[in-house]
C-alpha atoms as a PDB file:
ATOM      1  CA  MET A   1    -176.728-110.432 -71.923  1.00  0.00           C
ATOM      2  CA  ARG A   2    -177.927-107.042 -72.951  1.00  0.00           C
ATOM      3  CA  TYR A   3    -176.317-106.131 -76.302  1.00  0.00           C
ATOM      4  CA  HIS A   4    -177.901-103.412 -78.382  1.00  0.00           C
ATOM      5  CA  ALA A   5    -176.362-103.422 -81.822  1.00  0.00           C
ATOM      6  CA  LEU A   6    -176.199-106.906 -83.200  1.00  0.00           C
ATOM      7  CA  LEU A   7    -179.667-108.384 -82.847  1.00  0.00           C
ATOM      8  CA  ALA A   8    -179.826-108.698 -86.630  1.00  0.00           C
ATOM      9  CA  THR A   9    -177.006-111.245 -86.585  1.00  0.00           C
ATOM     10  CA  ALA A  10    -179.143-113.929 -84.924  1.00  0.00           C
ATOM     11  CA  ALA A  11    -180.474-117.031 -86.744  1.00  0.00           C
ATOM     12  CA  LEU A  12    -182.667-120.010 -85.685  1.00  0.00           C
ATOM     13  CA  ALA A  13    -183.075-123.706 -84.499  1.00  0.00           C
ATOM     14  CA  VAL A  14    -185.377-125.136 -81.754  1.00  0.00           C
ATOM     15  CA  PHE A  15    -185.282-127.711 -78.952  1.00  0.00           C
ATOM     16  CA  THR A  16    -187.552-129.208 -76.307  1.00  0.00           C
ATOM     17  CA  ILE A  17    -186.814-130.585 -72.866  1.00  0.00           C
ATOM     18  CA  ALA A  18    -188.395-133.496 -70.974  1.00  0.00           C
ATOM     19  CA  CYS A  19    -187.308-135.816 -68.117  1.00  0.00           C
ATOM     20  CA  GLN A  20    -187.326-135.226 -64.398  1.00  0.00           C
ATOM     21  CA  SER A  21    -184.525-134.001 -62.155  1.00  0.00           C
ATOM     22  CA  PRO A  22    -183.962-134.929 -58.519  1.00  0.00           C
ATOM     23  CA  LEU A  23    -185.315-131.501 -57.504  1.00  0.00           C
ATOM     24  CA  GLY A  24    -188.472-131.994 -59.522  1.00  0.00           C
ATOM     25  CA  PHE A  25    -187.879-129.798 -62.554  1.00  0.00           C
ATOM     26  CA  ALA A  26    -187.909-130.790 -66.217  1.00  0.00           C
ATOM     27  CA  ALA A  27    -184.626-131.866 -67.768  1.00  0.00           C
ATOM     28  CA  THR A  28    -183.091-134.108 -70.437  1.00  0.00           C
ATOM     29  CA  GLY A  29    -179.796-134.908 -72.065  1.00  0.00           C
ATOM     30  CA  PRO A  30    -176.916-137.283 -71.535  1.00  0.00           C
ATOM     31  CA  ALA A  31    -175.131-137.343 -68.223  1.00  0.00           C
ATOM     32  CA  THR A  32    -171.352-137.199 -68.238  1.00  0.00           C
ATOM     33  CA  ALA A  33    -168.784-138.324 -65.726  1.00  0.00           C
ATOM     34  CA  GLU A  34    -167.030-135.902 -63.433  1.00  0.00           C
ATOM     35  CA  SER A  35    -163.869-134.484 -64.920  1.00  0.00           C
ATOM     36  CA  PRO A  36    -160.390-134.569 -63.432  1.00  0.00           C
ATOM     37  CA  PRO A  37    -159.508-131.398 -61.543  1.00  0.00           C
ATOM     38  CA  SER A  38    -158.187-128.503 -63.596  1.00  0.00           C
ATOM     39  CA  PRO A  39    -154.566-127.594 -62.882  1.00  0.00           C
ATOM     40  CA  GLY A  40    -154.327-124.989 -60.155  1.00  0.00           C
ATOM     41  CA  VAL A  41    -157.758-125.685 -58.665  1.00  0.00           C
ATOM     42  CA  SER A  42    -157.305-126.962 -55.101  1.00  0.00           C
ATOM     43  CA  ALA A  43    -160.779-128.475 -54.881  1.00  0.00           C
ATOM     44  CA  PRO A  44    -162.680-131.585 -55.926  1.00  0.00           C
ATOM     45  CA  ALA A  45    -163.430-131.902 -59.624  1.00  0.00           C
ATOM     46  CA  MET A  46    -166.420-129.975 -60.910  1.00  0.00           C
ATOM     47  CA  ASP A  47    -169.489-132.153 -61.358  1.00  0.00           C
ATOM     48  CA  ARG A  48    -169.898-131.877 -65.123  1.00  0.00           C
ATOM     49  CA  ALA A  49    -173.151-133.853 -65.100  1.00  0.00           C
ATOM     50  CA  GLN A  50    -174.722-131.525 -62.526  1.00  0.00           C
ATOM     51  CA  LEU A  51    -173.599-128.529 -64.573  1.00  0.00           C
ATOM     52  CA  LEU A  52    -175.498-129.832 -67.604  1.00  0.00           C
ATOM     53  CA  GLU A  53    -178.516-130.681 -65.485  1.00  0.00           C
ATOM     54  CA  ASP A  54    -178.656-127.132 -64.133  1.00  0.00           C
ATOM     55  CA  LEU A  55    -178.428-125.761 -67.669  1.00  0.00           C
ATOM     56  CA  ARG A  56    -181.165-128.072 -68.963  1.00  0.00           C
ATOM     57  CA  ILE A  57    -183.524-127.304 -66.123  1.00  0.00           C
ATOM     58  CA  LEU A  58    -183.153-123.531 -66.208  1.00  0.00           C
ATOM     59  CA  ALA A  59    -183.588-123.522 -70.007  1.00  0.00           C
ATOM     60  CA  ALA A  60    -186.548-125.928 -69.966  1.00  0.00           C
ATOM     61  CA  ASP A  61    -189.867-125.038 -71.588  1.00  0.00           C
ATOM     62  CA  ASP A  62    -191.645-124.966 -68.229  1.00  0.00           C
ATOM     63  CA  MET A  63    -189.491-121.998 -67.217  1.00  0.00           C
ATOM     64  CA  GLU A  64    -191.218-120.077 -70.043  1.00  0.00           C
ATOM     65  CA  GLY A  65    -188.156-117.963 -70.775  1.00  0.00           C
ATOM     66  CA  ARG A  66    -187.755-116.663 -67.190  1.00  0.00           C
ATOM     67  CA  LEU A  67    -189.156-113.192 -67.933  1.00  0.00           C
ATOM     68  CA  VAL A  68    -189.040-110.954 -64.869  1.00  0.00           C
ATOM     69  CA  ALA A  69    -192.225-111.002 -62.741  1.00  0.00           C
ATOM     70  CA  THR A  70    -193.749-114.102 -64.356  1.00  0.00           C
ATOM     71  CA  ALA A  71    -194.580-117.613 -63.197  1.00  0.00           C
ATOM     72  CA  GLY A  72    -191.604-118.926 -65.167  1.00  0.00           C
ATOM     73  CA  SER A  73    -189.305-116.569 -63.321  1.00  0.00           C
ATOM     74  CA  GLU A  74    -190.757-117.766 -60.027  1.00  0.00           C
ATOM     75  CA  ARG A  75    -190.109-121.398 -60.965  1.00  0.00           C
ATOM     76  CA  ALA A  76    -186.524-120.600 -61.948  1.00  0.00           C
ATOM     77  CA  ARG A  77    -186.043-118.748 -58.689  1.00  0.00           C
ATOM     78  CA  ALA A  78    -187.347-121.714 -56.695  1.00  0.00           C
ATOM     79  CA  TYR A  79    -184.901-124.002 -58.451  1.00  0.00           C
ATOM     80  CA  ILE A  80    -181.918-121.706 -57.857  1.00  0.00           C
ATOM     81  CA  ILE A  81    -182.791-121.322 -54.170  1.00  0.00           C
ATOM     82  CA  ALA A  82    -183.161-125.102 -53.808  1.00  0.00           C
ATOM     83  CA  ARG A  83    -179.733-125.527 -55.359  1.00  0.00           C
ATOM     84  CA  PHE A  84    -178.229-122.866 -53.068  1.00  0.00           C
ATOM     85  CA  GLU A  85    -179.619-124.764 -50.081  1.00  0.00           C
ATOM     86  CA  GLN A  86    -178.417-128.096 -51.461  1.00  0.00           C
ATOM     87  CA  ILE A  87    -174.912-126.689 -51.933  1.00  0.00           C
ATOM     88  CA  GLY A  88    -174.896-125.290 -48.398  1.00  0.00           C
ATOM     89  CA  LEU A  89    -174.994-121.547 -48.999  1.00  0.00           C
ATOM     90  CA  GLU A  90    -176.648-119.241 -46.480  1.00  0.00           C
ATOM     91  CA  PRO A  91    -178.886-116.230 -47.044  1.00  0.00           C
ATOM     92  CA  ILE A  92    -177.792-112.802 -45.889  1.00  0.00           C
ATOM     93  CA  GLY A  93    -180.615-112.043 -43.510  1.00  0.00           C
ATOM     94  CA  ASP A  94    -183.876-113.934 -43.419  1.00  0.00           C
ATOM     95  CA  SER A  95    -184.236-114.822 -47.096  1.00  0.00           C
ATOM     96  CA  PHE A  96    -182.305-115.536 -50.266  1.00  0.00           C
ATOM     97  CA  GLU A  97    -184.734-113.243 -52.103  1.00  0.00           C
ATOM     98  CA  SER A  98    -184.242-109.498 -52.379  1.00  0.00           C
ATOM     99  CA  THR A  99    -186.986-107.619 -54.206  1.00  0.00           C
ATOM    100  CA  PHE A 100    -186.772-104.288 -56.001  1.00  0.00           C
ATOM    101  CA  GLU A 101    -189.038-102.188 -58.179  1.00  0.00           C
ATOM    102  CA  PHE A 102    -188.293-100.554 -61.495  1.00  0.00           C
ATOM    103  CA  GLY A 103    -190.280 -98.747 -64.153  1.00  0.00           C
ATOM    104  CA  ARG A 104    -191.196-100.421 -67.430  1.00  0.00           C
ATOM    105  CA  PRO A 105    -192.745 -98.258 -70.147  1.00  0.00           C
ATOM    106  CA  ASN A 106    -194.486-101.258 -71.667  1.00  0.00           C
ATOM    107  CA  GLY A 107    -198.103-100.200 -71.354  1.00  0.00           C
ATOM    108  CA  TRP A 108    -199.170-102.852 -68.871  1.00  0.00           C
ATOM    109  CA  SER A 109    -197.324-101.992 -65.688  1.00  0.00           C
ATOM    110  CA  PRO A 110    -195.945 -98.647 -64.499  1.00  0.00           C
ATOM    111  CA  THR A 111    -193.618-100.527 -62.147  1.00  0.00           C
ATOM    112  CA  THR A 112    -192.422-104.099 -62.014  1.00  0.00           C
ATOM    113  CA  THR A 113    -191.083-106.053 -59.064  1.00  0.00           C
ATOM    114  CA  GLY A 114    -187.896-107.966 -59.714  1.00  0.00           C
ATOM    115  CA  THR A 115    -186.255-110.423 -57.350  1.00  0.00           C
ATOM    116  CA  ASN A 116    -182.546-110.977 -56.914  1.00  0.00           C
ATOM    117  CA  ILE A 117    -181.316-114.200 -55.297  1.00  0.00           C
ATOM    118  CA  VAL A 118    -178.390-113.565 -52.982  1.00  0.00           C
ATOM    119  CA  ALA A 119    -176.364-116.033 -50.902  1.00  0.00           C
ATOM    120  CA  ARG A 120    -173.111-115.996 -48.984  1.00  0.00           C
ATOM    121  CA  LEU A 121    -170.318-118.430 -48.259  1.00  0.00           C
ATOM    122  CA  ARG A 122    -168.014-117.530 -45.394  1.00  0.00           C
ATOM    123  CA  GLY A 123    -164.285-117.417 -45.980  1.00  0.00           C
ATOM    124  CA  THR A 124    -161.576-118.719 -43.702  1.00  0.00           C
ATOM    125  CA  GLY A 125    -159.682-115.431 -43.457  1.00  0.00           C
ATOM    126  CA  GLU A 126    -160.337-112.157 -41.666  1.00  0.00           C
ATOM    127  CA  SER A 127    -159.445-109.454 -44.196  1.00  0.00           C
ATOM    128  CA  GLY A 128    -163.059-108.292 -44.456  1.00  0.00           C
ATOM    129  CA  ARG A 129    -162.882-108.182 -48.246  1.00  0.00           C
ATOM    130  CA  VAL A 130    -165.702-109.738 -50.262  1.00  0.00           C
ATOM    131  CA  MET A 131    -165.944-111.094 -53.811  1.00  0.00           C
ATOM    132  CA  VAL A 132    -169.269-111.139 -55.664  1.00  0.00           C
ATOM    133  CA  VAL A 133    -169.830-113.865 -58.266  1.00  0.00           C
ATOM    134  CA  SER A 134    -172.854-112.913 -60.346  1.00  0.00           C
ATOM    135  CA  ALA A 135    -175.019-114.076 -63.244  1.00  0.00           C
ATOM    136  CA  HIS A 136    -178.464-112.931 -64.326  1.00  0.00           C
ATOM    137  CA  TYR A 137    -181.197-115.570 -64.400  1.00  0.00           C
ATOM    138  CA  ASP A 138    -183.888-113.655 -66.313  1.00  0.00           C
ATOM    139  CA  HIS A 139    -184.445-113.845 -70.053  1.00  0.00           C
ATOM    140  CA  MET A 140    -187.010-112.747 -72.662  1.00  0.00           C
ATOM    141  CA  GLY A 141    -190.022-114.886 -71.777  1.00  0.00           C
ATOM    142  CA  MET A 142    -192.506-115.849 -74.492  1.00  0.00           C
ATOM    143  CA  ARG A 143    -193.078-113.984 -77.753  1.00  0.00           C
ATOM    144  CA  GLY A 144    -195.439-114.771 -80.572  1.00  0.00           C
ATOM    145  CA  GLY A 145    -196.344-118.095 -78.987  1.00  0.00           C
ATOM    146  CA  GLU A 146    -192.689-119.188 -78.859  1.00  0.00           C
ATOM    147  CA  ILE A 147    -190.583-119.735 -75.744  1.00  0.00           C
ATOM    148  CA  TRP A 148    -187.300-117.867 -75.704  1.00  0.00           C
ATOM    149  CA  ASN A 149    -185.529-120.358 -73.458  1.00  0.00           C
ATOM    150  CA  GLY A 150    -182.293-118.438 -72.962  1.00  0.00           C
ATOM    151  CA  ALA A 151    -180.002-121.437 -72.549  1.00  0.00           C
ATOM    152  CA  ASP A 152    -176.840-119.476 -73.233  1.00  0.00           C
ATOM    153  CA  ASP A 153    -178.355-116.160 -72.133  1.00  0.00           C
ATOM    154  CA  ASN A 154    -178.142-116.782 -69.278  1.00  0.00           C
ATOM    155  CA  ALA A 155    -179.029-120.190 -67.886  1.00  0.00           C
ATOM    156  CA  SER A 156    -175.410-121.024 -68.688  1.00  0.00           C
ATOM    157  CA  GLY A 157    -174.067-118.268 -66.446  1.00  0.00           C
ATOM    158  CA  VAL A 158    -176.274-119.356 -63.555  1.00  0.00           C
ATOM    159  CA  ALA A 159    -175.180-122.968 -64.002  1.00  0.00           C
ATOM    160  CA  GLY A 160    -171.573-121.777 -63.928  1.00  0.00           C
ATOM    161  CA  LEU A 161    -172.306-119.780 -60.789  1.00  0.00           C
ATOM    162  CA  LEU A 162    -173.791-122.876 -59.126  1.00  0.00           C
ATOM    163  CA  ALA A 163    -170.728-124.931 -60.086  1.00  0.00           C
ATOM    164  CA  THR A 164    -168.490-122.253 -58.591  1.00  0.00           C
ATOM    165  CA  ALA A 165    -170.513-122.183 -55.391  1.00  0.00           C
ATOM    166  CA  ALA A 166    -170.339-125.970 -55.093  1.00  0.00           C
ATOM    167  CA  SER A 167    -166.567-125.885 -55.546  1.00  0.00           C
ATOM    168  CA  PHE A 168    -166.099-123.332 -52.785  1.00  0.00           C
ATOM    169  CA  ALA A 169    -168.529-125.153 -50.495  1.00  0.00           C
ATOM    170  CA  ALA A 170    -166.346-128.257 -50.866  1.00  0.00           C
ATOM    171  CA  ALA A 171    -163.093-126.340 -50.317  1.00  0.00           C
ATOM    172  CA  PRO A 172    -163.825-123.007 -48.601  1.00  0.00           C
ATOM    173  CA  PRO A 173    -162.477-119.699 -49.913  1.00  0.00           C
ATOM    174  CA  GLN A 174    -160.109-117.386 -48.086  1.00  0.00           C
ATOM    175  CA  HIS A 175    -162.606-114.515 -48.329  1.00  0.00           C
ATOM    176  CA  ASP A 176    -166.361-114.226 -48.025  1.00  0.00           C
ATOM    177  CA  ILE A 177    -168.068-114.749 -51.360  1.00  0.00           C
ATOM    178  CA  ILE A 178    -171.524-113.490 -52.299  1.00  0.00           C
ATOM    179  CA  PHE A 179    -173.275-115.446 -55.037  1.00  0.00           C
ATOM    180  CA  ALA A 180    -175.853-113.219 -56.736  1.00  0.00           C
ATOM    181  CA  ALA A 181    -178.356-114.355 -59.372  1.00  0.00           C
ATOM    182  CA  PHE A 182    -179.684-111.069 -60.708  1.00  0.00           C
ATOM    183  CA  ASP A 183    -183.125-110.411 -62.151  1.00  0.00           C
ATOM    184  CA  ALA A 184    -184.161-107.946 -64.879  1.00  0.00           C
ATOM    185  CA  GLU A 185    -180.775-107.690 -66.567  1.00  0.00           C
ATOM    186  CA  GLU A 186    -182.567-107.766 -69.899  1.00  0.00           C
ATOM    187  CA  HIS A 187    -184.457-104.608 -68.893  1.00  0.00           C
ATOM    188  CA  GLY A 188    -181.438-102.425 -68.232  1.00  0.00           C
ATOM    189  CA  LEU A 189    -179.294-104.193 -65.620  1.00  0.00           C
ATOM    190  CA  GLN A 190    -181.983-103.452 -63.048  1.00  0.00           C
ATOM    191  CA  GLY A 191    -181.127-106.219 -60.589  1.00  0.00           C
ATOM    192  CA  ALA A 192    -177.435-105.348 -60.461  1.00  0.00           C
ATOM    193  CA  GLU A 193    -178.285-101.669 -60.118  1.00  0.00           C
ATOM    194  CA  ALA A 194    -180.549-102.444 -57.163  1.00  0.00           C
ATOM    195  CA  PHE A 195    -177.869-104.631 -55.566  1.00  0.00           C
ATOM    196  CA  VAL A 196    -175.197-101.937 -55.803  1.00  0.00           C
ATOM    197  CA  ALA A 197    -177.611 -99.254 -54.555  1.00  0.00           C
ATOM    198  CA  ASN A 198    -178.604-101.350 -51.530  1.00  0.00           C
ATOM    199  CA  PRO A 199    -175.833-103.915 -50.993  1.00  0.00           C
ATOM    200  CA  PRO A 200    -176.228-106.688 -48.409  1.00  0.00           C
ATOM    201  CA  VAL A 201    -172.763-105.866 -47.019  1.00  0.00           C
ATOM    202  CA  PRO A 202    -170.989-102.488 -46.865  1.00  0.00           C
ATOM    203  CA  LEU A 203    -170.162-101.470 -50.422  1.00  0.00           C
ATOM    204  CA  GLU A 204    -166.582-100.612 -49.513  1.00  0.00           C
ATOM    205  CA  THR A 205    -165.924-104.250 -48.580  1.00  0.00           C
ATOM    206  CA  ILE A 206    -166.872-105.506 -52.068  1.00  0.00           C
ATOM    207  CA  THR A 207    -163.483-105.788 -53.728  1.00  0.00           C
ATOM    208  CA  PHE A 208    -164.145-107.658 -56.973  1.00  0.00           C
ATOM    209  CA  ASN A 209    -167.003-108.811 -59.192  1.00  0.00           C
ATOM    210  CA  LEU A 210    -166.732-111.905 -61.373  1.00  0.00           C
ATOM    211  CA  ASN A 211    -169.701-111.759 -63.722  1.00  0.00           C
ATOM    212  CA  LEU A 212    -170.826-114.681 -65.883  1.00  0.00           C
ATOM    213  CA  ASP A 213    -172.991-114.034 -68.937  1.00  0.00           C
ATOM    214  CA  MET A 214    -173.234-116.567 -71.803  1.00  0.00           C
ATOM    215  CA  LEU A 215    -170.795-119.454 -71.335  1.00  0.00           C
ATOM    216  CA  ALA A 216    -172.281-122.234 -73.442  1.00  0.00           C
ATOM    217  CA  MET A 217    -172.036-121.498 -77.168  1.00  0.00           C
ATOM    218  CA  SER A 218    -168.731-121.178 -79.023  1.00  0.00           C
ATOM    219  CA  GLN A 219    -167.678-123.288 -81.963  1.00  0.00           C
ATOM    220  CA  GLU A 220    -164.254-121.609 -81.742  1.00  0.00           C
ATOM    221  CA  ARG A 221    -163.962-122.433 -78.000  1.00  0.00           C
ATOM    222  CA  ILE A 222    -163.374-118.799 -77.068  1.00  0.00           C
ATOM    223  CA  LEU A 223    -164.362-117.368 -73.688  1.00  0.00           C
ATOM    224  CA  TRP A 224    -163.678-113.644 -73.500  1.00  0.00           C
ATOM    225  CA  ALA A 225    -162.325-111.958 -70.370  1.00  0.00           C
ATOM    226  CA  VAL A 226    -163.633-108.396 -70.360  1.00  0.00           C
ATOM    227  CA  GLY A 227    -162.410-105.688 -67.982  1.00  0.00           C
ATOM    228  CA  THR A 228    -158.615-105.589 -68.014  1.00  0.00           C
ATOM    229  CA  TYR A 229    -158.542-102.343 -70.024  1.00  0.00           C
ATOM    230  CA  HIS A 230    -160.108-100.647 -67.008  1.00  0.00           C
ATOM    231  CA  TYR A 231    -158.228-102.692 -64.397  1.00  0.00           C
ATOM    232  CA  PRO A 232    -154.855-103.709 -65.870  1.00  0.00           C
ATOM    233  CA  PHE A 233    -153.692-105.155 -62.543  1.00  0.00           C
ATOM    234  CA  LEU A 234    -156.073-108.047 -63.299  1.00  0.00           C
ATOM    235  CA  ILE A 235    -154.077-109.098 -66.390  1.00  0.00           C
ATOM    236  CA  PRO A 236    -151.771-111.485 -64.458  1.00  0.00           C
ATOM    237  CA  ILE A 237    -154.840-113.280 -63.076  1.00  0.00           C
ATOM    238  CA  VAL A 238    -156.275-113.748 -66.573  1.00  0.00           C
ATOM    239  CA  ASP A 239    -152.885-114.889 -67.861  1.00  0.00           C
ATOM    240  CA  ALA A 240    -152.484-117.430 -65.054  1.00  0.00           C
ATOM    241  CA  VAL A 241    -155.914-118.937 -65.621  1.00  0.00           C
ATOM    242  CA  ALA A 242    -155.546-118.890 -69.422  1.00  0.00           C
ATOM    243  CA  ALA A 243    -152.268-120.813 -69.179  1.00  0.00           C
ATOM    244  CA  ARG A 244    -154.029-123.802 -67.597  1.00  0.00           C
ATOM    245  CA  SER A 245    -157.433-123.556 -69.285  1.00  0.00           C
ATOM    246  CA  ASN A 246    -158.869-125.982 -71.818  1.00  0.00           C
ATOM    247  CA  VAL A 247    -160.549-123.077 -73.648  1.00  0.00           C
ATOM    248  CA  ASN A 248    -159.147-119.958 -75.270  1.00  0.00           C
ATOM    249  CA  LEU A 249    -159.294-117.027 -72.832  1.00  0.00           C
ATOM    250  CA  PRO A 250    -158.382-113.796 -74.641  1.00  0.00           C
ATOM    251  CA  MET A 251    -158.872-110.323 -73.202  1.00  0.00           C
ATOM    252  CA  GLY A 252    -160.755-107.545 -74.950  1.00  0.00           C
ATOM    253  CA  PHE A 253    -164.081-105.905 -75.847  1.00  0.00           C
ATOM    254  CA  ASP A 254    -163.584-103.325 -73.083  1.00  0.00           C
ATOM    255  CA  GLU A 255    -161.904-100.352 -74.759  1.00  0.00           C
ATOM    256  CA  PRO A 256    -163.931 -97.263 -75.667  1.00  0.00           C
ATOM    257  CA  SER A 257    -164.946 -97.517 -79.305  1.00  0.00           C
ATOM    258  CA  GLU A 258    -167.116 -95.734 -81.820  1.00  0.00           C
ATOM    259  CA  ASP A 259    -168.078 -99.125 -83.251  1.00  0.00           C
ATOM    260  CA  HIS A 260    -171.419 -99.977 -81.718  1.00  0.00           C
ATOM    261  CA  GLY A 261    -171.183-103.260 -79.832  1.00  0.00           C
ATOM    262  CA  ALA A 262    -167.384-103.323 -79.666  1.00  0.00           C
ATOM    263  CA  ASP A 263    -167.196-102.252 -76.004  1.00  0.00           C
ATOM    264  CA  TRP A 264    -168.996-104.641 -73.659  1.00  0.00           C
ATOM    265  CA  THR A 265    -168.213-102.723 -70.466  1.00  0.00           C
ATOM    266  CA  GLN A 266    -171.851-101.785 -69.936  1.00  0.00           C
ATOM    267  CA  ALA A 267    -173.359-104.770 -71.764  1.00  0.00           C
ATOM    268  CA  THR A 268    -174.110-106.801 -68.650  1.00  0.00           C
ATOM    269  CA  ASP A 269    -174.402-106.617 -64.869  1.00  0.00           C
ATOM    270  CA  SER A 270    -170.716-106.031 -64.182  1.00  0.00           C
ATOM    271  CA  GLY A 271    -171.219-102.565 -65.648  1.00  0.00           C
ATOM    272  CA  GLU A 272    -173.067-101.541 -62.477  1.00  0.00           C
ATOM    273  CA  PHE A 273    -170.105-102.613 -60.325  1.00  0.00           C
ATOM    274  CA  HIS A 274    -167.700-100.745 -62.594  1.00  0.00           C
ATOM    275  CA  ALA A 275    -169.880 -97.632 -62.283  1.00  0.00           C
ATOM    276  CA  VAL A 276    -169.106 -97.467 -58.549  1.00  0.00           C
ATOM    277  CA  GLY A 277    -165.420 -98.332 -58.930  1.00  0.00           C
ATOM    278  CA  ILE A 278    -165.507-102.042 -58.130  1.00  0.00           C
ATOM    279  CA  PRO A 279    -163.043-103.974 -60.319  1.00  0.00           C
ATOM    280  CA  PHE A 280    -164.620-106.663 -62.463  1.00  0.00           C
ATOM    281  CA  ILE A 281    -163.978-109.374 -64.971  1.00  0.00           C
ATOM    282  CA  TYR A 282    -166.885-110.437 -67.151  1.00  0.00           C
ATOM    283  CA  LEU A 283    -166.524-113.878 -68.720  1.00  0.00           C
ATOM    284  CA  GLY A 284    -168.677-114.613 -71.762  1.00  0.00           C
ATOM    285  CA  VAL A 285    -168.772-115.753 -75.365  1.00  0.00           C
ATOM    286  CA  ASP A 286    -169.118-113.625 -78.471  1.00  0.00           C
ATOM    287  CA  TYR A 287    -172.324-113.048 -80.436  1.00  0.00           C
ATOM    288  CA  HIS A 288    -173.732-116.151 -82.139  1.00  0.00           C
ATOM    289  CA  PRO A 289    -176.786-116.954 -84.274  1.00  0.00           C
ATOM    290  CA  HIS A 290    -178.942-118.024 -81.305  1.00  0.00           C
ATOM    291  CA  TYR A 291    -178.423-114.812 -79.311  1.00  0.00           C
ATOM    292  CA  HIS A 292    -181.818-113.321 -78.359  1.00  0.00           C
ATOM    293  CA  GLU A 293    -183.645-115.847 -80.507  1.00  0.00           C
ATOM    294  CA  PRO A 294    -186.037-118.696 -79.623  1.00  0.00           C
ATOM    295  CA  THR A 295    -183.295-121.067 -80.797  1.00  0.00           C
ATOM    296  CA  ASP A 296    -181.197-120.321 -77.709  1.00  0.00           C
ATOM    297  CA  THR A 297    -181.898-123.815 -76.347  1.00  0.00           C
ATOM    298  CA  TYR A 298    -179.959-126.506 -74.540  1.00  0.00           C
ATOM    299  CA  GLU A 299    -179.847-128.651 -77.663  1.00  0.00           C
ATOM    300  CA  ASN A 300    -178.072-125.945 -79.650  1.00  0.00           C
ATOM    301  CA  MET A 301    -175.273-125.370 -77.142  1.00  0.00           C
ATOM    302  CA  THR A 302    -171.674-126.576 -77.534  1.00  0.00           C
ATOM    303  CA  LEU A 303    -171.786-128.648 -74.357  1.00  0.00           C
ATOM    304  CA  ASP A 304    -168.173-129.841 -74.226  1.00  0.00           C
ATOM    305  CA  PHE A 305    -167.035-126.250 -74.524  1.00  0.00           C
ATOM    306  CA  PHE A 306    -169.535-125.201 -71.845  1.00  0.00           C
ATOM    307  CA  GLN A 307    -168.180-127.766 -69.412  1.00  0.00           C
ATOM    308  CA  ASP A 308    -164.586-126.735 -70.069  1.00  0.00           C
ATOM    309  CA  ALA A 309    -165.482-123.032 -69.900  1.00  0.00           C
ATOM    310  CA  SER A 310    -167.226-123.566 -66.566  1.00  0.00           C
ATOM    311  CA  GLU A 311    -164.140-125.283 -65.186  1.00  0.00           C
ATOM    312  CA  THR A 312    -162.221-122.195 -66.262  1.00  0.00           C
ATOM    313  CA  VAL A 313    -164.792-120.046 -64.437  1.00  0.00           C
ATOM    314  CA  VAL A 314    -164.264-122.050 -61.245  1.00  0.00           C
ATOM    315  CA  ASP A 315    -160.498-121.758 -61.607  1.00  0.00           C
ATOM    316  CA  PHE A 316    -160.806-118.017 -62.222  1.00  0.00           C
ATOM    317  CA  ALA A 317    -162.914-117.556 -59.093  1.00  0.00           C
ATOM    318  CA  ARG A 318    -160.348-119.455 -57.031  1.00  0.00           C
ATOM    319  CA  GLU A 319    -157.476-117.438 -58.463  1.00  0.00           C
ATOM    320  CA  ALA A 320    -159.358-114.203 -57.754  1.00  0.00           C
ATOM    321  CA  ASP A 321    -160.002-115.340 -54.171  1.00  0.00           C
ATOM    322  CA  ARG A 322    -156.287-116.044 -53.724  1.00  0.00           C
ATOM    323  CA  GLN A 323    -155.455-112.608 -55.174  1.00  0.00           C
ATOM    324  CA  LEU A 324    -158.298-110.618 -53.597  1.00  0.00           C
ATOM    325  CA  ASP A 325    -156.084-108.687 -51.193  1.00  0.00           C
ATOM    326  CA  MET A 326    -153.849-107.682 -54.110  1.00  0.00           C
ATOM    327  CA  ILE A 327    -156.945-106.542 -56.016  1.00  0.00           C
ATOM    328  CA  GLY A 328    -158.062-104.509 -53.016  1.00  0.00           C
ATOM    329  CA  GLU A 329    -154.678-102.867 -52.565  1.00  0.00           C
ATOM    330  CA  ALA A 330    -154.369-102.075 -56.292  1.00  0.00           C
ATOM    331  CA  SER A 331    -157.838-100.537 -56.447  1.00  0.00           C
ATOM    332  CA  GLY A 332    -157.845 -98.868 -53.044  1.00  0.00           C
ATOM    333  CA  ARG A 333    -160.727-100.984 -51.756  1.00  0.00           C
END
């Protein structure tokens, strides 16, 4: 997540990760049983143990903070692609990877190559409308000899994206869904900007973006739904999902404000979709002491909340798929 104003609110705690996953990446932590299906979700129960494994692996020390254009980023990308293949997603074209270049005034590289990871799952219908479920996989890398693991920001969003993809693979959607793990969000939403500028399907067919950024840390069990100020026809969808969620799902943080940090519309990748008129909902938690700190580790997350929030994400994606034609008609897409 790319917030500008509240970096001074962060505080610290640290964690390490060991243990081996079936795909060969470092991981630890207790496994949990699969949960019963959430009300309204016509699909098998989300695999809560796999969700935690994905979070642990992507936030592990050997990912080195997943800074764009680094070996850690490459390892994270390999893991995400392996999981896409395991789930049964298909690339759009010859590869899951889509590279782009952007400028970085950092003194060591006039341009940097980022890599988005993009997959598709075919829907059963023929409306031609497409939903994009997105989450950025990059983070801050290593600073001062410390790894900034980025468990909440945004290994959690990618894990939620993978859980959503697995749900739809088990019980197919009505519409085509693109699952996009964006790179270089922390450097100005560069991956999302590149995606919108050169989309893998005609831009006019993209009807809705569900963006996931920071799902794993909330002592108050609050997951914010951002975007209904701009697209009020989405309020009934939020209300329907909130009524059956095990977490609090308020709406807000999307109205123009003179208070710096009070409007999250452009704080994350969904801002690039909004800029071209694509309706969005961004699901994420509020600021917390581990935000943009080396203490943003698996061990410091509120894991029960994360599991429940991710089930809400899956339910939201399914509700949006059911309502996608309404969204298209309301927005003229």
